[in-house]
Amino acid sequence: MLQGCRSGRIDTPILVPVIDLRLPAVDVAPQLLGAVIRHTAVLADGTRGEVGIRLTEVEAYMGLDDPASHAFGGPTPRSAVMFGPPGHIYVYLSYGIHRCMNIVCSPDGQASAVLLRAGEVVIGKDLARARRSARAAARGLPAARPLPARRLASGPGNLGQALGAELTDSGAPLSQAAGASPAPDGSLWTLEAPASPADHVTSTRIGISRNAEKPWRFAIPGDPTVSGHNTTGNHA
């Protein structure tokens, strides 16, 4: 759509890239590298806070066809969100403490999703650091030196913590549209696609025992925020 004409000049539209979340998770996952996921929320003091993370590491889980997926074997109360429409958040609890974030992909009923494993905090570093410190204190861990920026969202539990993800966020819509409106509680999840595809490597997924041979982990090579091991992988 043309934006208008001033003094004989026609303003051309600005095309904003969008990730097609209707595709299978293995196709969506590499497109998410370099994308920025943002969460705006009302904080305990009544103010609004925002954290944005540039994604550097993700894993694809292919639903009913993937024994490593929570959706394998059919829907449960926990995984029901995965069977709904694409473009929603799926949050689950790992080891009783870590809130891990996923983006639901594929058409209704196919239940594929991308686990967000790591990223760089590009918006709201102070809030992300405060959330990480508060969670450690709640677990009774001793105070430590301030976390370096590269570790704020390195690892799926840390990424979810930095974003302020809660189990109640599971099922929340993830908007790619400008000017999206927040939910009644003030929460808003948005995704900004990268301007161009990021170079990436592939490797096997971390911490699973079933279907473990699949090369469905995607990471930006050499990025200091990437978690885990085997980040050299195979270039795609």
Protein backbone atom coordinates (compact mmCIF):
# COMPACT_ATOMS: atom_id res chain seq x y z
CA MET A 1 0.00 0.00 0.00
CA LEU A 2 1.28 3.49 -0.87
CA GLN A 3 1.83 5.70 2.14
CA GLY A 4 1.05 8.98 0.35
CA CYS A 5 2.37 11.71 -1.92
CA ARG A 6 4.03 14.92 -0.76
CA SER A 7 5.49 17.56 -3.10
CA GLY A 8 5.24 15.19 -6.03
CA ARG A 9 7.12 12.42 -4.20
CA ILE A 10 5.48 9.07 -3.66
CA ASP A 11 6.42 7.36 -0.40
CA THR A 12 6.93 3.67 -1.01
CA PRO A 13 5.66 1.24 1.62
CA ILE A 14 8.05 -0.20 4.14
CA LEU A 15 7.88 -3.98 3.97
CA VAL A 16 8.26 -5.57 7.38
CA PRO A 17 9.42 -9.21 7.27
CA VAL A 18 7.10 -11.73 8.90
CA ILE A 19 7.84 -15.32 9.89
CA ASP A 20 5.18 -17.76 8.68
CA LEU A 21 4.41 -19.70 11.84
CA ARG A 22 2.06 -22.00 9.94
CA LEU A 23 5.11 -23.87 8.69
CA PRO A 24 6.52 -26.92 10.52
CA ALA A 25 8.83 -26.19 13.44
CA VAL A 26 11.92 -27.41 11.58
CA ASP A 27 11.29 -24.73 8.95
CA VAL A 28 10.36 -21.98 11.40
CA ALA A 29 13.27 -22.58 13.80
CA PRO A 30 16.14 -21.26 11.64
CA GLN A 31 14.04 -18.24 10.66
CA LEU A 32 13.75 -17.30 14.34
CA LEU A 33 17.51 -16.82 14.71
CA GLY A 34 18.15 -13.10 14.89
CA ALA A 35 14.48 -12.37 15.57
CA VAL A 36 13.59 -10.34 18.67
CA ILE A 37 10.92 -11.61 21.05
CA ARG A 38 9.53 -8.98 23.41
CA HIS A 39 7.41 -9.20 26.52
CA THR A 40 5.76 -6.14 28.01
CA ALA A 41 4.13 -6.63 31.40
CA VAL A 42 2.76 -4.72 34.38
CA LEU A 43 5.30 -5.02 37.19
CA ALA A 44 4.66 -5.40 40.93
CA ASP A 45 4.95 -1.63 41.46
CA GLY A 46 2.32 -0.91 38.82
CA THR A 47 4.73 0.32 36.16
CA ARG A 48 5.17 -1.30 32.77
CA GLY A 49 8.39 -3.09 31.97
CA GLU A 50 9.69 -4.60 28.76
CA VAL A 51 12.40 -7.09 27.91
CA GLY A 52 13.44 -7.94 24.36
CA ILE A 53 15.73 -10.83 23.42
CA ARG A 54 17.46 -11.45 20.10
CA LEU A 55 17.26 -15.20 19.60
CA THR A 56 20.52 -17.06 19.01
CA GLU A 57 19.64 -20.71 19.71
CA VAL A 58 16.44 -22.71 19.24
CA GLU A 59 15.26 -26.31 18.92
CA ALA A 60 12.43 -27.74 16.82
CA TYR A 61 9.96 -30.31 18.17
CA MET A 62 7.71 -31.98 15.63
CA GLY A 63 4.63 -32.88 17.64
CA LEU A 64 2.90 -36.20 17.10
CA ASP A 65 5.77 -37.49 14.96
CA ASP A 66 8.51 -36.66 17.47
CA PRO A 67 8.93 -38.89 20.56
CA ALA A 68 10.89 -36.07 22.24
CA SER A 69 7.94 -33.68 21.98
CA HIS A 70 5.43 -33.05 24.76
CA ALA A 71 2.76 -33.52 22.08
CA PHE A 72 3.83 -37.07 21.24
CA GLY A 73 1.00 -39.43 22.11
CA GLY A 74 -1.70 -36.78 21.90
CA PRO A 75 -2.87 -33.74 23.85
CA THR A 76 -2.71 -33.48 27.63
CA PRO A 77 -3.78 -30.58 29.86
CA ARG A 78 -0.18 -29.32 29.73
CA SER A 79 0.38 -29.68 25.99
CA ALA A 80 -3.10 -28.74 24.74
CA VAL A 81 -1.83 -25.31 23.65
CA MET A 82 0.48 -27.02 21.15
CA PHE A 83 -2.53 -28.48 19.33
CA GLY A 84 -4.16 -25.10 18.84
CA PRO A 85 -3.47 -22.47 16.20
CA PRO A 86 0.10 -21.37 15.46
CA GLY A 87 1.48 -18.11 16.77
CA HIS A 88 0.92 -18.73 20.46
CA ILE A 89 3.24 -19.16 23.44
CA TYR A 90 3.67 -22.54 25.13
CA VAL A 91 5.31 -22.38 28.57
CA TYR A 92 6.15 -25.45 30.64
CA LEU A 93 7.92 -26.08 33.92
CA SER A 94 11.23 -27.98 33.80
CA TYR A 95 12.77 -29.58 36.91
CA GLY A 96 10.12 -27.81 38.97
CA ILE A 97 11.78 -24.39 38.65
CA HIS A 98 12.52 -23.41 35.04
CA ARG A 99 9.81 -21.84 32.88
CA CYS A 100 10.72 -22.78 29.32
CA MET A 101 9.26 -20.93 26.36
CA ASN A 102 8.12 -22.30 23.03
CA ILE A 103 6.45 -20.85 19.95
CA VAL A 104 3.64 -23.01 18.54
CA CYS A 105 3.92 -23.67 14.78
CA SER A 106 2.08 -25.58 12.03
CA PRO A 107 -1.67 -25.70 11.38
CA ASP A 108 -4.13 -26.65 14.12
CA GLY A 109 -3.70 -30.17 15.42
CA GLN A 110 -0.13 -30.79 14.25
CA ALA A 111 1.39 -29.52 17.50
CA SER A 112 4.91 -28.65 16.43
CA ALA A 113 6.77 -26.00 18.41
CA VAL A 114 10.13 -24.28 18.70
CA LEU A 115 11.89 -24.18 22.07
CA LEU A 116 13.72 -20.89 22.67
CA ARG A 117 17.07 -21.92 24.13
CA ALA A 118 19.18 -18.74 24.24
CA GLY A 119 19.49 -15.15 23.17
CA GLU A 120 20.95 -11.72 23.77
CA VAL A 121 18.97 -9.25 25.88
CA VAL A 122 18.71 -6.15 23.69
CA ILE A 123 15.92 -4.34 25.57
CA GLY A 124 15.52 -4.11 29.34
CA LYS A 125 18.84 -5.50 30.59
CA ASP A 126 18.27 -4.10 34.09
CA LEU A 127 14.84 -5.73 34.37
CA ALA A 128 16.15 -9.03 33.00
CA ARG A 129 19.03 -8.99 35.50
CA ALA A 130 16.66 -8.15 38.37
CA ARG A 131 14.42 -11.07 37.46
CA ARG A 132 17.36 -13.46 37.34
CA SER A 133 18.60 -12.24 40.74
CA ALA A 134 15.14 -12.38 42.33
CA ARG A 135 14.59 -15.97 41.22
CA ALA A 136 17.97 -17.00 42.64
CA ALA A 137 17.13 -15.33 45.96
CA ALA A 138 13.75 -17.08 46.05
CA ARG A 139 15.55 -20.41 45.72
CA GLY A 140 17.79 -19.54 48.67
CA LEU A 141 20.94 -19.25 46.59
CA PRO A 142 23.70 -16.94 47.87
CA ALA A 143 24.16 -13.54 46.26
CA ALA A 144 26.58 -13.65 43.38
CA ARG A 145 28.42 -11.13 41.30
CA PRO A 146 26.26 -9.44 38.66
CA LEU A 147 25.67 -11.74 35.73
CA PRO A 148 27.50 -10.82 32.53
CA ALA A 149 25.19 -9.78 29.70
CA ARG A 150 25.95 -12.93 27.70
CA ARG A 151 24.50 -15.14 30.46
CA LEU A 152 21.27 -13.25 31.12
CA ALA A 153 19.26 -15.36 28.65
CA SER A 154 21.61 -18.27 27.95
CA GLY A 155 19.74 -21.52 28.46
CA PRO A 156 15.97 -22.04 28.12
CA GLY A 157 15.18 -21.55 31.80
CA ASN A 158 17.24 -18.39 32.01
CA LEU A 159 15.65 -17.01 28.83
CA GLY A 160 12.16 -17.59 30.19
CA GLN A 161 13.13 -16.01 33.49
CA ALA A 162 14.62 -12.93 31.82
CA LEU A 163 11.42 -12.44 29.82
CA GLY A 164 9.25 -12.85 32.91
CA ALA A 165 7.44 -15.88 31.47
CA GLU A 166 4.94 -17.62 33.75
CA LEU A 167 2.87 -20.75 33.29
CA THR A 168 -0.16 -18.48 32.97
CA ASP A 169 1.38 -17.08 29.77
CA SER A 170 0.92 -20.44 28.06
CA GLY A 171 -1.61 -19.89 25.28
CA ALA A 172 -0.94 -16.16 24.97
CA PRO A 173 -0.89 -14.86 21.38
CA LEU A 174 2.42 -13.82 19.86
CA SER A 175 1.88 -10.81 17.60
CA GLN A 176 3.99 -9.81 14.61
CA ALA A 177 1.79 -6.80 13.83
CA ALA A 178 2.76 -3.23 14.67
CA GLY A 179 0.57 -1.57 17.26
CA ALA A 180 -0.74 -4.79 18.79
CA SER A 181 -2.89 -4.33 21.89
CA PRO A 182 -2.00 -5.88 25.25
CA ALA A 183 -4.12 -8.46 27.03
CA PRO A 184 -6.48 -7.31 29.82
CA ASP A 185 -3.71 -7.94 32.37
CA GLY A 186 -1.37 -5.62 30.45
CA SER A 187 0.81 -8.40 29.04
CA LEU A 188 1.91 -8.28 25.40
CA TRP A 189 4.12 -10.75 23.52
CA THR A 190 5.53 -9.67 20.16
CA LEU A 191 7.97 -11.07 17.62
CA GLU A 192 10.09 -9.04 15.20
CA ALA A 193 11.57 -11.05 12.33
CA PRO A 194 15.19 -10.36 11.38
CA ALA A 195 15.79 -8.12 8.39
CA SER A 196 17.69 -10.95 6.70
CA PRO A 197 18.29 -14.65 7.46
CA ALA A 198 21.00 -15.35 10.02
CA ASP A 199 23.89 -17.69 9.30
CA HIS A 200 23.40 -20.78 11.44
CA VAL A 201 24.63 -24.24 12.29
CA THR A 202 22.62 -27.34 13.07
CA SER A 203 23.25 -30.09 15.61
CA THR A 204 21.38 -32.60 17.74
CA ARG A 205 19.08 -31.39 20.50
CA ILE A 206 20.24 -31.13 24.10
CA GLY A 207 19.00 -33.11 27.10
CA ILE A 208 16.76 -35.63 25.34
CA SER A 209 17.02 -39.40 24.96
CA ARG A 210 14.31 -40.11 22.38
CA ASN A 211 14.68 -39.17 18.72
CA ALA A 212 18.00 -37.70 19.83
CA GLU A 213 19.73 -38.16 16.48
CA LYS A 214 17.67 -35.50 14.69
CA PRO A 215 19.69 -32.36 13.79
CA TRP A 216 16.95 -30.03 14.97
CA ARG A 217 18.96 -27.63 17.09
CA PHE A 218 19.79 -24.36 15.35
CA ALA A 219 22.27 -21.74 16.57
CA ILE A 220 24.16 -18.68 15.40
CA PRO A 221 27.80 -19.83 15.22
CA GLY A 222 30.23 -18.12 17.56
CA ASP A 223 27.58 -16.14 19.43
CA PRO A 224 28.63 -15.92 23.12
CA THR A 225 25.06 -16.35 24.38
CA VAL A 226 24.59 -19.82 22.87
CA SER A 227 24.19 -22.45 25.59
CA GLY A 228 25.31 -26.02 25.80
CA HIS A 229 27.80 -27.85 23.63
CA ASN A 230 28.40 -28.86 20.04
CA THR A 231 27.83 -25.37 18.67
CA THR A 232 30.09 -25.95 15.69
CA GLY A 233 27.56 -28.32 14.12
CA ASN A 234 26.91 -28.31 10.40
CA HIS A 235 26.53 -25.06 8.51
CA ALA A 236 23.22 -24.67 6.74
